[in-house]
Amino acid sequence: MRALWMAVAVSLVGIPVVGQAASMRCGTGLVSDGASKSDVVAKCGEPVSKESRTESEEVKTRDGDTSTKRVVQKTFEEWTYNFGPNRLMQVVVFENGKLIEVKSTGYGR
């Protein structure tokens, strides 16, 4: 029996780990990957702070012998939610208006 458990444990090592989806619970509401900013405000209320930045990225495309370059603008916003001293603060990150990441920070005040 011990050999069976050892074989199971060894076989699990090779299984790829699936990335976690961005999600945050606000009371009875839940927001997750792809949520719009208005969805987040509707379920979680207004954040205590908002920061935004714009980044430019050069994208190359190739069509047969022709190669083209273009610059794509991406807007990122980070909203901070403070749920009080008994919960970690949450920073939600939007790319072009869609939720892409949720990060936990220190405890709120």
PDB file of N, CA and C in Angstrom:
ATOM      1  N   MET A   1       0.818  -1.194   0.000  1.00  0.00           N
ATOM      2  CA  MET A   1       0.000   0.000   0.000  1.00  0.00           C
ATOM      3  C   MET A   1       0.862   1.259   0.000  1.00  0.00           C
ATOM      4  N   ARG A   2       1.948   1.204   0.767  1.00  0.00           N
ATOM      5  CA  ARG A   2       2.846   2.366   0.828  1.00  0.00           C
ATOM      6  C   ARG A   2       3.453   2.647  -0.547  1.00  0.00           C
ATOM      7  N   ALA A   3       3.761   1.604  -1.281  1.00  0.00           N
ATOM      8  CA  ALA A   3       4.334   1.779  -2.627  1.00  0.00           C
ATOM      9  C   ALA A   3       3.324   2.465  -3.550  1.00  0.00           C
ATOM     10  N   LEU A   4       2.042   2.139  -3.390  1.00  0.00           N
ATOM     11  CA  LEU A   4       1.006   2.770  -4.197  1.00  0.00           C
ATOM     12  C   LEU A   4       0.952   4.273  -3.921  1.00  0.00           C
ATOM     13  N   TRP A   5       0.961   4.669  -2.655  1.00  0.00           N
ATOM     14  CA  TRP A   5       0.925   6.089  -2.308  1.00  0.00           C
ATOM     15  C   TRP A   5       2.166   6.820  -2.806  1.00  0.00           C
ATOM     16  N   MET A   6       3.304   6.155  -2.747  1.00  0.00           N
ATOM     17  CA  MET A   6       4.543   6.760  -3.236  1.00  0.00           C
ATOM     18  C   MET A   6       4.455   6.961  -4.745  1.00  0.00           C
ATOM     19  N   ALA A   7       3.899   5.997  -5.462  1.00  0.00           N
ATOM     20  CA  ALA A   7       3.753   6.119  -6.914  1.00  0.00           C
ATOM     21  C   ALA A   7       2.802   7.258  -7.267  1.00  0.00           C
ATOM     22  N   VAL A   8       1.720   7.402  -6.504  1.00  0.00           N
ATOM     23  CA  VAL A   8       0.778   8.495  -6.742  1.00  0.00           C
ATOM     24  C   VAL A   8       1.460   9.836  -6.498  1.00  0.00           C
ATOM     25  N   ALA A   9       2.194   9.950  -5.420  1.00  0.00           N
ATOM     26  CA  ALA A   9       2.878  11.205  -5.095  1.00  0.00           C
ATOM     27  C   ALA A   9       3.892  11.571  -6.169  1.00  0.00           C
ATOM     28  N   VAL A  10       4.657  10.609  -6.638  1.00  0.00           N
ATOM     29  CA  VAL A  10       5.662  10.864  -7.669  1.00  0.00           C
ATOM     30  C   VAL A  10       4.993  11.257  -8.981  1.00  0.00           C
ATOM     31  N   SER A  11       3.871  10.631  -9.316  1.00  0.00           N
ATOM     32  CA  SER A  11       3.198  10.952 -10.570  1.00  0.00           C
ATOM     33  C   SER A  11       2.589  12.351 -10.548  1.00  0.00           C
ATOM     34  N   LEU A  12       2.200  12.845  -9.386  1.00  0.00           N
ATOM     35  CA  LEU A  12       1.620  14.181  -9.287  1.00  0.00           C
ATOM     36  C   LEU A  12       2.652  15.284  -9.513  1.00  0.00           C
ATOM     37  N   VAL A  13       3.918  14.981  -9.321  1.00  0.00           N
ATOM     38  CA  VAL A  13       4.967  15.977  -9.497  1.00  0.00           C
ATOM     39  C   VAL A  13       5.002  16.474 -10.939  1.00  0.00           C
ATOM     40  N   GLY A  14       4.708  15.630 -11.904  1.00  0.00           N
ATOM     41  CA  GLY A  14       4.778  16.011 -13.311  1.00  0.00           C
ATOM     42  C   GLY A  14       3.562  16.735 -13.838  1.00  0.00           C
ATOM     43  N   ILE A  15       2.524  16.912 -13.040  1.00  0.00           N
ATOM     44  CA  ILE A  15       1.307  17.582 -13.493  1.00  0.00           C
ATOM     45  C   ILE A  15       1.536  19.084 -13.477  1.00  0.00           C
ATOM     46  N   PRO A  16       1.273  19.766 -14.583  1.00  0.00           N
ATOM     47  CA  PRO A  16       1.476  21.214 -14.601  1.00  0.00           C
ATOM     48  C   PRO A  16       0.494  21.924 -13.684  1.00  0.00           C
ATOM     49  N   VAL A  17       0.966  23.001 -13.083  1.00  0.00           N
ATOM     50  CA  VAL A  17       0.126  23.792 -12.191  1.00  0.00           C
ATOM     51  C   VAL A  17      -0.650  24.805 -13.028  1.00  0.00           C
ATOM     52  N   VAL A  18      -1.944  24.864 -12.821  1.00  0.00           N
ATOM     53  CA  VAL A  18      -2.797  25.800 -13.534  1.00  0.00           C
ATOM     54  C   VAL A  18      -2.770  27.129 -12.801  1.00  0.00           C
ATOM     55  N   GLY A  19      -2.607  28.242 -13.530  1.00  0.00           N
ATOM     56  CA  GLY A  19      -2.594  29.567 -12.920  1.00  0.00           C
ATOM     57  C   GLY A  19      -3.939  29.884 -12.304  1.00  0.00           C
ATOM     58  N   GLN A  20      -3.900  30.636 -11.226  1.00  0.00           N
ATOM     59  CA  GLN A  20      -5.137  31.000 -10.564  1.00  0.00           C
ATOM     60  C   GLN A  20      -5.789  32.185 -11.265  1.00  0.00           C
ATOM     61  N   ALA A  21      -7.059  32.156 -11.307  1.00  0.00           N
ATOM     62  CA  ALA A  21      -7.804  33.254 -11.905  1.00  0.00           C
ATOM     63  C   ALA A  21      -7.866  34.412 -10.920  1.00  0.00           C
ATOM     64  N   ALA A  22      -7.906  35.619 -11.441  1.00  0.00           N
ATOM     65  CA  ALA A  22      -8.047  36.797 -10.599  1.00  0.00           C
ATOM     66  C   ALA A  22      -9.485  36.872 -10.119  1.00  0.00           C
ATOM     67  N   SER A  23      -9.680  36.937  -8.809  1.00  0.00           N
ATOM     68  CA  SER A  23     -11.034  37.090  -8.282  1.00  0.00           C
ATOM     69  C   SER A  23     -10.975  37.751  -6.911  1.00  0.00           C
ATOM     70  N   MET A  24     -12.089  38.397  -6.552  1.00  0.00           N
ATOM     71  CA  MET A  24     -12.183  39.067  -5.261  1.00  0.00           C
ATOM     72  C   MET A  24     -13.630  39.021  -4.796  1.00  0.00           C
ATOM     73  N   ARG A  25     -13.795  38.690  -3.522  1.00  0.00           N
ATOM     74  CA  ARG A  25     -15.131  38.664  -2.934  1.00  0.00           C
ATOM     75  C   ARG A  25     -15.384  39.984  -2.228  1.00  0.00           C
ATOM     76  N   CYS A  26     -16.555  40.553  -2.495  1.00  0.00           N
ATOM     77  CA  CYS A  26     -16.994  41.796  -1.863  1.00  0.00           C
ATOM     78  C   CYS A  26     -18.360  41.521  -1.250  1.00  0.00           C
ATOM     79  N   GLY A  27     -18.403  41.246   0.032  1.00  0.00           N
ATOM     80  CA  GLY A  27     -19.676  40.886   0.661  1.00  0.00           C
ATOM     81  C   GLY A  27     -20.199  39.613   0.018  1.00  0.00           C
ATOM     82  N   THR A  28     -21.379  39.689  -0.590  1.00  0.00           N
ATOM     83  CA  THR A  28     -21.937  38.510  -1.262  1.00  0.00           C
ATOM     84  C   THR A  28     -21.594  38.488  -2.748  1.00  0.00           C
ATOM     85  N   GLY A  29     -20.947  39.553  -3.247  1.00  0.00           N
ATOM     86  CA  GLY A  29     -20.585  39.626  -4.658  1.00  0.00           C
ATOM     87  C   GLY A  29     -19.206  39.039  -4.921  1.00  0.00           C
ATOM     88  N   LEU A  30     -18.994  38.620  -6.134  1.00  0.00           N
ATOM     89  CA  LEU A  30     -17.700  38.087  -6.546  1.00  0.00           C
ATOM     90  C   LEU A  30     -17.371  38.668  -7.912  1.00  0.00           C
ATOM     91  N   VAL A  31     -16.172  39.236  -8.034  1.00  0.00           N
ATOM     92  CA  VAL A  31     -15.711  39.726  -9.331  1.00  0.00           C
ATOM     93  C   VAL A  31     -14.515  38.882  -9.738  1.00  0.00           C
ATOM     94  N   SER A  32     -14.382  38.613 -11.038  1.00  0.00           N
ATOM     95  CA  SER A  32     -13.290  37.765 -11.499  1.00  0.00           C
ATOM     96  C   SER A  32     -12.792  38.217 -12.864  1.00  0.00           C
ATOM     97  N   ASP A  33     -11.799  37.489 -13.387  1.00  0.00           N
ATOM     98  CA  ASP A  33     -11.162  37.808 -14.667  1.00  0.00           C
ATOM     99  C   ASP A  33     -12.166  38.302 -15.700  1.00  0.00           C
ATOM    100  N   GLY A  34     -11.818  39.398 -16.354  1.00  0.00           N
ATOM    101  CA  GLY A  34     -12.650  39.904 -17.438  1.00  0.00           C
ATOM    102  C   GLY A  34     -13.755  40.844 -17.013  1.00  0.00           C
ATOM    103  N   ALA A  35     -13.952  41.006 -15.699  1.00  0.00           N
ATOM    104  CA  ALA A  35     -15.012  41.909 -15.227  1.00  0.00           C
ATOM    105  C   ALA A  35     -14.688  43.338 -15.643  1.00  0.00           C
ATOM    106  N   SER A  36     -15.720  44.095 -15.955  1.00  0.00           N
ATOM    107  CA  SER A  36     -15.524  45.498 -16.309  1.00  0.00           C
ATOM    108  C   SER A  36     -15.402  46.333 -15.036  1.00  0.00           C
ATOM    109  N   LYS A  37     -14.938  47.569 -15.201  1.00  0.00           N
ATOM    110  CA  LYS A  37     -14.825  48.466 -14.057  1.00  0.00           C
ATOM    111  C   LYS A  37     -16.194  48.734 -13.444  1.00  0.00           C
ATOM    112  N   SER A  38     -17.220  48.860 -14.277  1.00  0.00           N
ATOM    113  CA  SER A  38     -18.564  49.116 -13.741  1.00  0.00           C
ATOM    114  C   SER A  38     -19.084  47.914 -12.953  1.00  0.00           C
ATOM    115  N   ASP A  39     -18.748  46.682 -13.375  1.00  0.00           N
ATOM    116  CA  ASP A  39     -19.127  45.486 -12.607  1.00  0.00           C
ATOM    117  C   ASP A  39     -18.490  45.514 -11.222  1.00  0.00           C
ATOM    118  N   VAL A  40     -17.214  45.877 -11.184  1.00  0.00           N
ATOM    119  CA  VAL A  40     -16.487  45.903  -9.912  1.00  0.00           C
ATOM    120  C   VAL A  40     -17.082  46.963  -8.990  1.00  0.00           C
ATOM    121  N   VAL A  41     -17.365  48.146  -9.507  1.00  0.00           N
ATOM    122  CA  VAL A  41     -17.971  49.200  -8.679  1.00  0.00           C
ATOM    123  C   VAL A  41     -19.346  48.772  -8.193  1.00  0.00           C
ATOM    124  N   ALA A  42     -20.128  48.127  -9.052  1.00  0.00           N
ATOM    125  CA  ALA A  42     -21.477  47.692  -8.659  1.00  0.00           C
ATOM    126  C   ALA A  42     -21.427  46.668  -7.527  1.00  0.00           C
ATOM    127  N   LYS A  43     -20.443  45.780  -7.537  1.00  0.00           N
ATOM    128  CA  LYS A  43     -20.376  44.720  -6.528  1.00  0.00           C
ATOM    129  C   LYS A  43     -19.545  45.100  -5.309  1.00  0.00           C
ATOM    130  N   CYS A  44     -18.554  45.979  -5.490  1.00  0.00           N
ATOM    131  CA  CYS A  44     -17.611  46.270  -4.411  1.00  0.00           C
ATOM    132  C   CYS A  44     -17.632  47.714  -3.937  1.00  0.00           C
ATOM    133  N   GLY A  45     -18.310  48.583  -4.667  1.00  0.00           N
ATOM    134  CA  GLY A  45     -18.305  49.992  -4.312  1.00  0.00           C
ATOM    135  C   GLY A  45     -17.079  50.697  -4.863  1.00  0.00           C
ATOM    136  N   GLU A  46     -16.933  51.969  -4.489  1.00  0.00           N
ATOM    137  CA  GLU A  46     -15.796  52.762  -4.945  1.00  0.00           C
ATOM    138  C   GLU A  46     -14.544  52.373  -4.154  1.00  0.00           C
ATOM    139  N   PRO A  47     -13.388  52.297  -4.827  1.00  0.00           N
ATOM    140  CA  PRO A  47     -12.143  52.001  -4.118  1.00  0.00           C
ATOM    141  C   PRO A  47     -11.665  53.214  -3.320  1.00  0.00           C
ATOM    142  N   VAL A  48     -10.726  52.993  -2.398  1.00  0.00           N
ATOM    143  CA  VAL A  48     -10.177  54.109  -1.630  1.00  0.00           C
ATOM    144  C   VAL A  48      -9.163  54.896  -2.450  1.00  0.00           C
ATOM    145  N   SER A  49      -8.558  54.258  -3.471  1.00  0.00           N
ATOM    146  CA  SER A  49      -7.641  54.981  -4.342  1.00  0.00           C
ATOM    147  C   SER A  49      -7.610  54.343  -5.722  1.00  0.00           C
ATOM    148  N   LYS A  50      -7.249  55.176  -6.708  1.00  0.00           N
ATOM    149  CA  LYS A  50      -7.121  54.728  -8.094  1.00  0.00           C
ATOM    150  C   LYS A  50      -5.835  55.314  -8.666  1.00  0.00           C
ATOM    151  N   GLU A  51      -5.080  54.494  -9.371  1.00  0.00           N
ATOM    152  CA  GLU A  51      -3.884  54.953 -10.075  1.00  0.00           C
ATOM    153  C   GLU A  51      -3.950  54.402 -11.487  1.00  0.00           C
ATOM    154  N   SER A  52      -3.487  55.197 -12.458  1.00  0.00           N
ATOM    155  CA  SER A  52      -3.503  54.704 -13.837  1.00  0.00           C
ATOM    156  C   SER A  52      -2.189  55.050 -14.522  1.00  0.00           C
ATOM    157  N   ARG A  53      -1.875  54.263 -15.534  1.00  0.00           N
ATOM    158  CA  ARG A  53      -0.695  54.488 -16.356  1.00  0.00           C
ATOM    159  C   ARG A  53      -0.966  53.946 -17.747  1.00  0.00           C
ATOM    160  N   THR A  54      -0.258  54.488 -18.711  1.00  0.00           N
ATOM    161  CA  THR A  54      -0.373  54.028 -20.093  1.00  0.00           C
ATOM    162  C   THR A  54       0.985  53.518 -20.544  1.00  0.00           C
ATOM    163  N   GLU A  55       0.984  52.380 -21.206  1.00  0.00           N
ATOM    164  CA  GLU A  55       2.209  51.803 -21.737  1.00  0.00           C
ATOM    165  C   GLU A  55       2.057  51.602 -23.237  1.00  0.00           C
ATOM    166  N   SER A  56       3.148  51.804 -23.948  1.00  0.00           N
ATOM    167  CA  SER A  56       3.173  51.573 -25.393  1.00  0.00           C
ATOM    168  C   SER A  56       3.944  50.296 -25.661  1.00  0.00           C
ATOM    169  N   GLU A  57       3.451  49.528 -26.600  1.00  0.00           N
ATOM    170  CA  GLU A  57       4.099  48.271 -26.976  1.00  0.00           C
ATOM    171  C   GLU A  57       4.150  48.191 -28.492  1.00  0.00           C
ATOM    172  N   GLU A  58       5.312  47.865 -29.013  1.00  0.00           N
ATOM    173  CA  GLU A  58       5.451  47.719 -30.459  1.00  0.00           C
ATOM    174  C   GLU A  58       5.087  46.287 -30.846  1.00  0.00           C
ATOM    175  N   VAL A  59       4.165  46.145 -31.761  1.00  0.00           N
ATOM    176  CA  VAL A  59       3.700  44.837 -32.213  1.00  0.00           C
ATOM    177  C   VAL A  59       4.105  44.652 -33.670  1.00  0.00           C
ATOM    178  N   LYS A  60       4.749  43.523 -33.930  1.00  0.00           N
ATOM    179  CA  LYS A  60       5.172  43.210 -35.300  1.00  0.00           C
ATOM    180  C   LYS A  60       4.256  42.130 -35.856  1.00  0.00           C
ATOM    181  N   THR A  61       3.797  42.329 -37.081  1.00  0.00           N
ATOM    182  CA  THR A  61       2.998  41.312 -37.756  1.00  0.00           C
ATOM    183  C   THR A  61       3.658  40.995 -39.087  1.00  0.00           C
ATOM    184  N   ARG A  62       3.487  39.773 -39.522  1.00  0.00           N
ATOM    185  CA  ARG A  62       4.101  39.339 -40.773  1.00  0.00           C
ATOM    186  C   ARG A  62       3.034  38.684 -41.642  1.00  0.00           C
ATOM    187  N   ASP A  63       2.978  39.124 -42.881  1.00  0.00           N
ATOM    188  CA  ASP A  63       2.038  38.566 -43.851  1.00  0.00           C
ATOM    189  C   ASP A  63       2.839  38.217 -45.097  1.00  0.00           C
ATOM    190  N   GLY A  64       3.232  36.956 -45.193  1.00  0.00           N
ATOM    191  CA  GLY A  64       4.070  36.526 -46.317  1.00  0.00           C
ATOM    192  C   GLY A  64       5.426  37.191 -46.233  1.00  0.00           C
ATOM    193  N   ASP A  65       5.787  37.973 -47.251  1.00  0.00           N
ATOM    194  CA  ASP A  65       7.070  38.660 -47.275  1.00  0.00           C
ATOM    195  C   ASP A  65       7.010  40.043 -46.630  1.00  0.00           C
ATOM    196  N   THR A  66       5.830  40.492 -46.288  1.00  0.00           N
ATOM    197  CA  THR A  66       5.652  41.843 -45.755  1.00  0.00           C
ATOM    198  C   THR A  66       5.594  41.806 -44.230  1.00  0.00           C
ATOM    199  N   SER A  67       6.369  42.671 -43.611  1.00  0.00           N
ATOM    200  CA  SER A  67       6.382  42.797 -42.160  1.00  0.00           C
ATOM    201  C   SER A  67       5.979  44.220 -41.805  1.00  0.00           C
ATOM    202  N   THR A  68       5.077  44.353 -40.855  1.00  0.00           N
ATOM    203  CA  THR A  68       4.650  45.681 -40.421  1.00  0.00           C
ATOM    204  C   THR A  68       4.794  45.803 -38.912  1.00  0.00           C
ATOM    205  N   LYS A  69       5.020  47.030 -38.467  1.00  0.00           N
ATOM    206  CA  LYS A  69       5.114  47.329 -37.044  1.00  0.00           C
ATOM    207  C   LYS A  69       4.068  48.378 -36.717  1.00  0.00           C
ATOM    208  N   ARG A  70       3.487  48.242 -35.539  1.00  0.00           N
ATOM    209  CA  ARG A  70       2.572  49.276 -35.076  1.00  0.00           C
ATOM    210  C   ARG A  70       2.693  49.384 -33.567  1.00  0.00           C
ATOM    211  N   VAL A  71       2.350  50.533 -33.059  1.00  0.00           N
ATOM    212  CA  VAL A  71       2.425  50.779 -31.625  1.00  0.00           C
ATOM    213  C   VAL A  71       1.023  50.642 -31.043  1.00  0.00           C
ATOM    214  N   VAL A  72       0.915  49.840 -30.000  1.00  0.00           N
ATOM    215  CA  VAL A  72      -0.350  49.608 -29.323  1.00  0.00           C
ATOM    216  C   VAL A  72      -0.272  50.246 -27.941  1.00  0.00           C
ATOM    217  N   GLN A  73      -1.280  51.034 -27.613  1.00  0.00           N
ATOM    218  CA  GLN A  73      -1.372  51.668 -26.302  1.00  0.00           C
ATOM    219  C   GLN A  73      -2.207  50.789 -25.369  1.00  0.00           C
ATOM    220  N   LYS A  74      -1.692  50.552 -24.165  1.00  0.00           N
ATOM    221  CA  LYS A  74      -2.433  49.814 -23.145  1.00  0.00           C
ATOM    222  C   LYS A  74      -2.576  50.705 -21.928  1.00  0.00           C
ATOM    223  N   THR A  75      -3.789  50.778 -21.401  1.00  0.00           N
ATOM    224  CA  THR A  75      -4.045  51.559 -20.201  1.00  0.00           C
ATOM    225  C   THR A  75      -4.245  50.605 -19.033  1.00  0.00           C
ATOM    226  N   PHE A  76      -3.474  50.810 -17.979  1.00  0.00           N
ATOM    227  CA  PHE A  76      -3.581  50.001 -16.769  1.00  0.00           C
ATOM    228  C   PHE A  76      -4.088  50.881 -15.639  1.00  0.00           C
ATOM    229  N   GLU A  77      -5.011  50.333 -14.853  1.00  0.00           N
ATOM    230  CA  GLU A  77      -5.509  51.015 -13.661  1.00  0.00           C
ATOM    231  C   GLU A  77      -5.400  50.067 -12.487  1.00  0.00           C
ATOM    232  N   GLU A  78      -4.960  50.602 -11.353  1.00  0.00           N
ATOM    233  CA  GLU A  78      -4.902  49.826 -10.113  1.00  0.00           C
ATOM    234  C   GLU A  78      -5.807  50.503  -9.095  1.00  0.00           C
ATOM    235  N   TRP A  79      -6.798  49.762  -8.634  1.00  0.00           N
ATOM    236  CA  TRP A  79      -7.733  50.260  -7.635  1.00  0.00           C
ATOM    237  C   TRP A  79      -7.464  49.534  -6.321  1.00  0.00           C
ATOM    238  N   THR A  80      -7.423  50.284  -5.232  1.00  0.00           N
ATOM    239  CA  THR A  80      -7.175  49.696  -3.916  1.00  0.00           C
ATOM    240  C   THR A  80      -8.459  49.704  -3.098  1.00  0.00           C
ATOM    241  N   TYR A  81      -8.781  48.530  -2.544  1.00  0.00           N
ATOM    242  CA  TYR A  81      -9.942  48.378  -1.666  1.00  0.00           C
ATOM    243  C   TYR A  81      -9.454  48.067  -0.260  1.00  0.00           C
ATOM    244  N   ASN A  82      -9.984  48.829   0.705  1.00  0.00           N
ATOM    245  CA  ASN A  82      -9.649  48.647   2.115  1.00  0.00           C
ATOM    246  C   ASN A  82     -10.899  48.131   2.818  1.00  0.00           C
ATOM    247  N   PHE A  83     -10.866  46.867   3.214  1.00  0.00           N
ATOM    248  CA  PHE A  83     -12.031  46.234   3.840  1.00  0.00           C
ATOM    249  C   PHE A  83     -11.945  46.231   5.369  1.00  0.00           C
ATOM    250  N   GLY A  84     -11.062  47.041   5.939  1.00  0.00           N
ATOM    251  CA  GLY A  84     -10.962  47.149   7.393  1.00  0.00           C
ATOM    252  C   GLY A  84      -9.782  46.391   7.973  1.00  0.00           C
ATOM    253  N   PRO A  85      -9.579  46.540   9.299  1.00  0.00           N
ATOM    254  CA  PRO A  85      -8.382  45.997   9.945  1.00  0.00           C
ATOM    255  C   PRO A  85      -8.330  44.477  10.037  1.00  0.00           C
ATOM    256  N   ASN A  86      -9.439  43.811   9.812  1.00  0.00           N
ATOM    257  CA  ASN A  86      -9.444  42.347   9.922  1.00  0.00           C
ATOM    258  C   ASN A  86      -9.280  41.626   8.587  1.00  0.00           C
ATOM    259  N   ARG A  87      -9.141  42.397   7.506  1.00  0.00           N
ATOM    260  CA  ARG A  87      -8.978  41.796   6.177  1.00  0.00           C
ATOM    261  C   ARG A  87      -7.838  42.457   5.439  1.00  0.00           C
ATOM    262  N   LEU A  88      -7.216  41.707   4.548  1.00  0.00           N
ATOM    263  CA  LEU A  88      -6.159  42.261   3.720  1.00  0.00           C
ATOM    264  C   LEU A  88      -6.751  43.229   2.702  1.00  0.00           C
ATOM    265  N   MET A  89      -6.026  44.296   2.439  1.00  0.00           N
ATOM    266  CA  MET A  89      -6.452  45.198   1.376  1.00  0.00           C
ATOM    267  C   MET A  89      -6.232  44.487   0.046  1.00  0.00           C
ATOM    268  N   GLN A  90      -7.050  44.825  -0.942  1.00  0.00           N
ATOM    269  CA  GLN A  90      -6.968  44.197  -2.255  1.00  0.00           C
ATOM    270  C   GLN A  90      -6.715  45.266  -3.308  1.00  0.00           C
ATOM    271  N   VAL A  91      -5.803  44.975  -4.222  1.00  0.00           N
ATOM    272  CA  VAL A  91      -5.532  45.856  -5.355  1.00  0.00           C
ATOM    273  C   VAL A  91      -5.990  45.121  -6.601  1.00  0.00           C
ATOM    274  N   VAL A  92      -6.962  45.696  -7.303  1.00  0.00           N
ATOM    275  CA  VAL A  92      -7.443  45.093  -8.542  1.00  0.00           C
ATOM    276  C   VAL A  92      -6.802  45.842  -9.706  1.00  0.00           C
ATOM    277  N   VAL A  93      -6.337  45.086 -10.691  1.00  0.00           N
ATOM    278  CA  VAL A  93      -5.635  45.662 -11.832  1.00  0.00           C
ATOM    279  C   VAL A  93      -6.474  45.455 -13.080  1.00  0.00           C
ATOM    280  N   PHE A  94      -6.700  46.544 -13.799  1.00  0.00           N
ATOM    281  CA  PHE A  94      -7.449  46.503 -15.050  1.00  0.00           C
ATOM    282  C   PHE A  94      -6.497  46.796 -16.210  1.00  0.00           C
ATOM    283  N   GLU A  95      -6.682  46.097 -17.308  1.00  0.00           N
ATOM    284  CA  GLU A  95      -5.992  46.411 -18.560  1.00  0.00           C
ATOM    285  C   GLU A  95      -7.065  46.753 -19.580  1.00  0.00           C
ATOM    286  N   ASN A  96      -6.990  47.978 -20.076  1.00  0.00           N
ATOM    287  CA  ASN A  96      -7.987  48.475 -21.036  1.00  0.00           C
ATOM    288  C   ASN A  96      -9.412  48.232 -20.547  1.00  0.00           C
ATOM    289  N   GLY A  97      -9.640  48.463 -19.252  1.00  0.00           N
ATOM    290  CA  GLY A  97     -10.984  48.393 -18.690  1.00  0.00           C
ATOM    291  C   GLY A  97     -11.463  47.024 -18.238  1.00  0.00           C
ATOM    292  N   LYS A  98     -10.618  45.993 -18.370  1.00  0.00           N
ATOM    293  CA  LYS A  98     -11.010  44.641 -17.957  1.00  0.00           C
ATOM    294  C   LYS A  98     -10.113  44.154 -16.828  1.00  0.00           C
ATOM    295  N   LEU A  99     -10.702  43.496 -15.833  1.00  0.00           N
ATOM    296  CA  LEU A  99      -9.966  42.980 -14.689  1.00  0.00           C
ATOM    297  C   LEU A  99      -9.011  41.878 -15.123  1.00  0.00           C
ATOM    298  N   ILE A 100      -7.719  42.040 -14.766  1.00  0.00           N
ATOM    299  CA  ILE A 100      -6.731  41.020 -15.135  1.00  0.00           C
ATOM    300  C   ILE A 100      -5.997  40.428 -13.943  1.00  0.00           C
ATOM    301  N   GLU A 101      -6.034  41.123 -12.776  1.00  0.00           N
ATOM    302  CA  GLU A 101      -5.256  40.643 -11.641  1.00  0.00           C
ATOM    303  C   GLU A 101      -5.821  41.203 -10.349  1.00  0.00           C
ATOM    304  N   VAL A 102      -5.715  40.407  -9.269  1.00  0.00           N
ATOM    305  CA  VAL A 102      -6.062  40.861  -7.932  1.00  0.00           C
ATOM    306  C   VAL A 102      -4.876  40.531  -7.037  1.00  0.00           C
ATOM    307  N   LYS A 103      -4.370  41.549  -6.321  1.00  0.00           N
ATOM    308  CA  LYS A 103      -3.226  41.356  -5.437  1.00  0.00           C
ATOM    309  C   LYS A 103      -3.633  41.723  -4.008  1.00  0.00           C
ATOM    310  N   SER A 104      -3.171  40.942  -3.046  1.00  0.00           N
ATOM    311  CA  SER A 104      -3.404  41.250  -1.636  1.00  0.00           C
ATOM    312  C   SER A 104      -2.224  42.054  -1.110  1.00  0.00           C
ATOM    313  N   THR A 105      -2.531  43.029  -0.254  1.00  0.00           N
ATOM    314  CA  THR A 105      -1.483  43.818   0.391  1.00  0.00           C
ATOM    315  C   THR A 105      -1.657  43.670   1.893  1.00  0.00           C
ATOM    316  N   GLY A 106      -1.159  44.603   2.665  1.00  0.00           N
ATOM    317  CA  GLY A 106      -1.267  44.525   4.120  1.00  0.00           C
ATOM    318  C   GLY A 106      -2.687  44.691   4.610  1.00  0.00           C
ATOM    319  N   TYR A 107      -2.845  44.537   5.923  1.00  0.00           N
ATOM    320  CA  TYR A 107      -4.168  44.688   6.521  1.00  0.00           C
ATOM    321  C   TYR A 107      -4.624  46.135   6.442  1.00  0.00           C
ATOM    322  N   GLY A 108      -5.922  46.311   6.308  1.00  0.00           N
ATOM    323  CA  GLY A 108      -6.513  47.640   6.210  1.00  0.00           C
ATOM    324  C   GLY A 108      -6.526  48.362   7.530  1.00  0.00           C
ATOM    325  N   ARG A 109      -7.075  49.542   7.495  1.00  0.00           N
ATOM    326  CA  ARG A 109      -7.166  50.362   8.706  1.00  0.00           C
ATOM    327  C   ARG A 109      -8.607  50.629   9.050  1.00  0.00           C
TER     328      ARG A 109
END
